[in-house]
C-alpha atoms as a PDB file:
ATOM      1  CA  UNK A   1     -31.356  -9.914  46.901  1.00  0.00           C
ATOM      2  CA  UNK A   2     -31.738  -6.667  44.965  1.00  0.00           C
ATOM      3  CA  UNK A   3     -29.295  -5.839  42.208  1.00  0.00           C
ATOM      4  CA  UNK A   4     -26.980  -2.985  43.155  1.00  0.00           C
ATOM      5  CA  UNK A   5     -25.596  -2.243  39.685  1.00  0.00           C
ATOM      6  CA  UNK A   6     -25.931   1.322  38.450  1.00  0.00           C
ATOM      7  CA  UNK A   7     -26.439   2.604  34.943  1.00  0.00           C
ATOM      8  CA  UNK A   8     -23.546   4.960  34.174  1.00  0.00           C
ATOM      9  CA  UNK A   9     -24.105   7.559  31.456  1.00  0.00           C
ATOM     10  CA  UNK A  10     -21.500   9.977  30.171  1.00  0.00           C
ATOM     11  CA  UNK A  11     -21.905  12.449  27.359  1.00  0.00           C
ATOM     12  CA  UNK A  12     -19.144  13.703  25.120  1.00  0.00           C
ATOM     13  CA  UNK A  13     -20.454  16.750  23.309  1.00  0.00           C
ATOM     14  CA  UNK A  14     -17.241  17.157  21.305  1.00  0.00           C
ATOM     15  CA  UNK A  15     -17.703  13.659  19.803  1.00  0.00           C
ATOM     16  CA  UNK A  16     -21.529  13.950  19.780  1.00  0.00           C
ATOM     17  CA  UNK A  17     -21.750  10.695  21.748  1.00  0.00           C
ATOM     18  CA  UNK A  18     -23.409   9.237  24.807  1.00  0.00           C
ATOM     19  CA  UNK A  19     -21.819   6.209  26.451  1.00  0.00           C
ATOM     20  CA  UNK A  20     -23.875   3.996  28.750  1.00  0.00           C
ATOM     21  CA  UNK A  21     -22.202   1.267  30.815  1.00  0.00           C
ATOM     22  CA  UNK A  22     -24.123  -1.272  32.872  1.00  0.00           C
ATOM     23  CA  UNK A  23     -23.313  -4.623  34.443  1.00  0.00           C
ATOM     24  CA  UNK A  24     -25.803  -7.447  34.755  1.00  0.00           C
ATOM     25  CA  UNK A  25     -25.672 -10.496  37.033  1.00  0.00           C
ATOM     26  CA  UNK A  26     -25.974 -13.051  34.235  1.00  0.00           C
ATOM     27  CA  UNK A  27     -23.622 -14.663  31.711  1.00  0.00           C
ATOM     28  CA  UNK A  28     -23.024 -13.053  28.317  1.00  0.00           C
ATOM     29  CA  UNK A  29     -25.208 -15.542  26.409  1.00  0.00           C
ATOM     30  CA  UNK A  30     -28.277 -14.732  28.522  1.00  0.00           C
ATOM     31  CA  UNK A  31     -27.736 -10.957  28.346  1.00  0.00           C
ATOM     32  CA  UNK A  32     -27.087 -11.153  24.582  1.00  0.00           C
ATOM     33  CA  UNK A  33     -30.343 -13.084  24.137  1.00  0.00           C
ATOM     34  CA  UNK A  34     -32.260 -10.444  26.122  1.00  0.00           C
ATOM     35  CA  UNK A  35     -30.967  -7.715  23.767  1.00  0.00           C
ATOM     36  CA  UNK A  36     -31.490  -9.637  20.523  1.00  0.00           C
ATOM     37  CA  UNK A  37     -34.638 -11.780  20.835  1.00  0.00           C
ATOM     38  CA  UNK A  38     -37.988  -9.990  20.481  1.00  0.00           C
ATOM     39  CA  UNK A  39     -39.857 -12.132  23.017  1.00  0.00           C
ATOM     40  CA  UNK A  40     -37.270 -11.066  25.621  1.00  0.00           C
ATOM     41  CA  UNK A  41     -36.853  -7.443  24.454  1.00  0.00           C
ATOM     42  CA  UNK A  42     -40.604  -6.949  24.804  1.00  0.00           C
ATOM     43  CA  UNK A  43     -40.311  -7.816  28.502  1.00  0.00           C
ATOM     44  CA  UNK A  44     -37.793  -5.104  29.420  1.00  0.00           C
ATOM     45  CA  UNK A  45     -37.009  -2.516  26.725  1.00  0.00           C
ATOM     46  CA  UNK A  46     -39.648   0.085  27.635  1.00  0.00           C
ATOM     47  CA  UNK A  47     -39.515   1.952  30.957  1.00  0.00           C
ATOM     48  CA  UNK A  48     -42.484   0.985  33.141  1.00  0.00           C
ATOM     49  CA  UNK A  49     -45.380   1.713  32.987  1.00  0.00           C
ATOM     50  CA  UNK A  50     -44.722   1.655  29.221  1.00  0.00           C
ATOM     51  CA  UNK A  51     -44.250  -1.638  27.393  1.00  0.00           C
ATOM     52  CA  UNK A  52     -42.700  -2.726  24.120  1.00  0.00           C
ATOM     53  CA  UNK A  53     -44.555  -4.602  21.392  1.00  0.00           C
ATOM     54  CA  UNK A  54     -42.431  -6.015  18.588  1.00  0.00           C
ATOM     55  CA  UNK A  55     -44.067  -5.703  15.167  1.00  0.00           C
ATOM     56  CA  UNK A  56     -41.309  -7.600  13.366  1.00  0.00           C
ATOM     57  CA  UNK A  57     -37.660  -8.423  13.906  1.00  0.00           C
ATOM     58  CA  UNK A  58     -34.956  -9.671  11.595  1.00  0.00           C
ATOM     59  CA  UNK A  59     -31.817  -9.663  13.715  1.00  0.00           C
ATOM     60  CA  UNK A  60     -29.304  -9.909  10.886  1.00  0.00           C
ATOM     61  CA  UNK A  61     -27.031  -7.508   9.025  1.00  0.00           C
ATOM     62  CA  UNK A  62     -29.396  -5.405   6.925  1.00  0.00           C
ATOM     63  CA  UNK A  63     -32.362  -6.525   9.057  1.00  0.00           C
ATOM     64  CA  UNK A  64     -34.738  -4.359  11.062  1.00  0.00           C
ATOM     65  CA  UNK A  65     -36.491  -4.455  14.423  1.00  0.00           C
ATOM     66  CA  UNK A  66     -39.831  -2.620  14.227  1.00  0.00           C
ATOM     67  CA  UNK A  67     -41.616  -2.023  17.499  1.00  0.00           C
ATOM     68  CA  UNK A  68     -44.055   0.184  19.355  1.00  0.00           C
ATOM     69  CA  UNK A  69     -43.605   1.736  22.756  1.00  0.00           C
ATOM     70  CA  UNK A  70     -47.089   1.496  24.282  1.00  0.00           C
ATOM     71  CA  UNK A  71     -48.101   3.863  27.062  1.00  0.00           C
ATOM     72  CA  UNK A  72     -50.427   3.169  29.984  1.00  0.00           C
ATOM     73  CA  UNK A  73     -53.351   4.851  28.165  1.00  0.00           C
ATOM     74  CA  UNK A  74     -52.712   2.805  25.000  1.00  0.00           C
ATOM     75  CA  UNK A  75     -50.818   5.535  23.119  1.00  0.00           C
ATOM     76  CA  UNK A  76     -48.141   4.222  20.760  1.00  0.00           C
ATOM     77  CA  UNK A  77     -44.800   5.590  19.620  1.00  0.00           C
ATOM     78  CA  UNK A  78     -43.261   3.600  16.790  1.00  0.00           C
ATOM     79  CA  UNK A  79     -39.540   2.919  16.415  1.00  0.00           C
ATOM     80  CA  UNK A  80     -37.175   0.958  14.258  1.00  0.00           C
ATOM     81  CA  UNK A  81     -33.586  -0.235  14.473  1.00  0.00           C
ATOM     82  CA  UNK A  82     -31.695  -1.063  11.290  1.00  0.00           C
ATOM     83  CA  UNK A  83     -28.812  -3.480  11.950  1.00  0.00           C
ATOM     84  CA  UNK A  84     -25.529  -2.812  10.133  1.00  0.00           C
ATOM     85  CA  UNK A  85     -23.086  -5.106  11.979  1.00  0.00           C
ATOM     86  CA  UNK A  86     -23.433  -8.163  14.216  1.00  0.00           C
ATOM     87  CA  UNK A  87     -20.657 -10.128  15.909  1.00  0.00           C
ATOM     88  CA  UNK A  88     -22.598 -12.566  18.092  1.00  0.00           C
ATOM     89  CA  UNK A  89     -22.418 -12.616  21.099  1.00  0.00           C
ATOM     90  CA  UNK A  90     -19.909  -9.768  21.350  1.00  0.00           C
ATOM     91  CA  UNK A  91     -21.426  -6.711  19.677  1.00  0.00           C
ATOM     92  CA  UNK A  92     -23.918  -5.240  17.265  1.00  0.00           C
ATOM     93  CA  UNK A  93     -24.439  -1.886  15.585  1.00  0.00           C
ATOM     94  CA  UNK A  94     -27.717  -0.375  14.478  1.00  0.00           C
ATOM     95  CA  UNK A  95     -29.349   2.882  13.488  1.00  0.00           C
ATOM     96  CA  UNK A  96     -32.373   3.706  15.654  1.00  0.00           C
ATOM     97  CA  UNK A  97     -35.229   6.025  14.709  1.00  0.00           C
ATOM     98  CA  UNK A  98     -38.726   7.078  15.622  1.00  0.00           C
ATOM     99  CA  UNK A  99     -41.095   6.266  12.774  1.00  0.00           C
ATOM    100  CA  UNK A 100     -44.733   6.115  11.746  1.00  0.00           C
ATOM    101  CA  UNK A 101     -46.779   2.877  12.013  1.00  0.00           C
ATOM    102  CA  UNK A 102     -45.557   1.887   8.517  1.00  0.00           C
ATOM    103  CA  UNK A 103     -41.880   2.215   9.500  1.00  0.00           C
ATOM    104  CA  UNK A 104     -41.228   5.528   7.729  1.00  0.00           C
ATOM    105  CA  UNK A 105     -38.634   7.520   9.691  1.00  0.00           C
ATOM    106  CA  UNK A 106     -39.943  10.710  11.338  1.00  0.00           C
ATOM    107  CA  UNK A 107     -37.600  13.527  10.267  1.00  0.00           C
ATOM    108  CA  UNK A 108     -38.322  15.712  13.327  1.00  0.00           C
ATOM    109  CA  UNK A 109     -36.622  13.238  15.667  1.00  0.00           C
ATOM    110  CA  UNK A 110     -32.919  12.357  15.870  1.00  0.00           C
ATOM    111  CA  UNK A 111     -31.580   9.077  14.542  1.00  0.00           C
ATOM    112  CA  UNK A 112     -29.105   7.386  16.823  1.00  0.00           C
ATOM    113  CA  UNK A 113     -26.305   5.038  15.828  1.00  0.00           C
ATOM    114  CA  UNK A 114     -25.964   2.404  18.569  1.00  0.00           C
ATOM    115  CA  UNK A 115     -22.843   0.271  19.028  1.00  0.00           C
ATOM    116  CA  UNK A 116     -23.471  -2.229  21.839  1.00  0.00           C
ATOM    117  CA  UNK A 117     -20.782  -4.518  23.234  1.00  0.00           C
ATOM    118  CA  UNK A 118     -21.110  -7.443  25.643  1.00  0.00           C
ATOM    119  CA  UNK A 119     -18.147  -8.689  27.660  1.00  0.00           C
ATOM    120  CA  UNK A 120     -17.725 -11.040  30.609  1.00  0.00           C
ATOM    121  CA  UNK A 121     -17.192  -9.316  33.934  1.00  0.00           C
ATOM    122  CA  UNK A 122     -16.711 -10.412  37.518  1.00  0.00           C
ATOM    123  CA  UNK A 123     -20.413  -9.749  38.129  1.00  0.00           C
ATOM    124  CA  UNK A 124     -21.592 -11.472  34.929  1.00  0.00           C
ATOM    125  CA  UNK A 125     -21.748  -9.243  31.867  1.00  0.00           C
ATOM    126  CA  UNK A 126     -20.718  -5.675  31.167  1.00  0.00           C
ATOM    127  CA  UNK A 127     -22.732  -3.977  28.425  1.00  0.00           C
ATOM    128  CA  UNK A 128     -21.334  -0.807  26.881  1.00  0.00           C
ATOM    129  CA  UNK A 129     -23.558   1.207  24.566  1.00  0.00           C
ATOM    130  CA  UNK A 130     -22.005   3.998  22.519  1.00  0.00           C
ATOM    131  CA  UNK A 131     -24.636   6.208  20.929  1.00  0.00           C
ATOM    132  CA  UNK A 132     -23.470   8.562  18.177  1.00  0.00           C
ATOM    133  CA  UNK A 133     -25.432  11.477  16.755  1.00  0.00           C
ATOM    134  CA  UNK A 134     -25.193  13.460  13.520  1.00  0.00           C
ATOM    135  CA  UNK A 135     -25.560  16.749  15.406  1.00  0.00           C
ATOM    136  CA  UNK A 136     -24.983  17.918  18.973  1.00  0.00           C
ATOM    137  CA  UNK A 137     -28.565  19.198  18.949  1.00  0.00           C
ATOM    138  CA  UNK A 138     -29.740  15.592  18.402  1.00  0.00           C
ATOM    139  CA  UNK A 139     -27.795  14.339  21.430  1.00  0.00           C
ATOM    140  CA  UNK A 140     -29.278  17.079  23.582  1.00  0.00           C
ATOM    141  CA  UNK A 141     -32.810  16.402  22.309  1.00  0.00           C
ATOM    142  CA  UNK A 142     -32.591  12.700  23.207  1.00  0.00           C
ATOM    143  CA  UNK A 143     -31.509  13.602  26.747  1.00  0.00           C
ATOM    144  CA  UNK A 144     -34.289  16.220  27.037  1.00  0.00           C
ATOM    145  CA  UNK A 145     -36.800  13.540  25.994  1.00  0.00           C
ATOM    146  CA  UNK A 146     -35.845  11.577  29.127  1.00  0.00           C
ATOM    147  CA  UNK A 147     -33.511   8.975  27.625  1.00  0.00           C
ATOM    148  CA  UNK A 148     -31.297   8.667  30.706  1.00  0.00           C
ATOM    149  CA  UNK A 149     -34.207   8.122  33.094  1.00  0.00           C
ATOM    150  CA  UNK A 150     -36.026   5.782  30.719  1.00  0.00           C
ATOM    151  CA  UNK A 151     -33.004   3.622  29.885  1.00  0.00           C
ATOM    152  CA  UNK A 152     -32.094   3.378  33.582  1.00  0.00           C
ATOM    153  CA  UNK A 153     -35.614   2.102  34.346  1.00  0.00           C
ATOM    154  CA  UNK A 154     -35.396  -0.345  31.429  1.00  0.00           C
ATOM    155  CA  UNK A 155     -32.108  -1.690  32.811  1.00  0.00           C
ATOM    156  CA  UNK A 156     -33.934  -2.366  36.080  1.00  0.00           C
ATOM    157  CA  UNK A 157     -36.562  -4.259  34.077  1.00  0.00           C
ATOM    158  CA  UNK A 158     -33.764  -6.329  32.539  1.00  0.00           C
ATOM    159  CA  UNK A 159     -32.374  -7.102  35.994  1.00  0.00           C
ATOM    160  CA  UNK A 160     -35.808  -8.490  36.935  1.00  0.00           C
ATOM    161  CA  UNK A 161     -36.013 -10.580  33.752  1.00  0.00           C
ATOM    162  CA  UNK A 162     -32.512 -12.019  34.220  1.00  0.00           C
ATOM    163  CA  UNK A 163     -33.280 -12.905  37.858  1.00  0.00           C
ATOM    164  CA  UNK A 164     -36.123 -15.237  36.772  1.00  0.00           C
END
């Protein structure tokens, strides 16, 4: 049976935040693992037909996840997430950025502070992602780059992974 959950995105320009809420039909421990283990992240994080390739991951406070988003023609966009808080399996906080292949942050792209929470729900797990930006212009740029569409597709990928 197909999953009927919807990705809900709201933007609060006054707070320079985007909030994304999504439920998944799996227990918290499985959803947490899918968000925090590179072998699972690589299976769902990028919106198809793109894929994610983890370069390295140290999921700990002060650690970094370095990865590439790989397009269908082999093009690569590099990213990193720097973890600042982890309360397993309830929440984590990290600063996301586009970077060069060596992990140096690209200054022309916004950095996004992610605070992701995982809580039991009737359906399985409710994940709430609060994304905060330094400037309103950064929030708008992320949305113009297709974040909402891409993250919605990625959530569908995660549904497929959790159904296995």
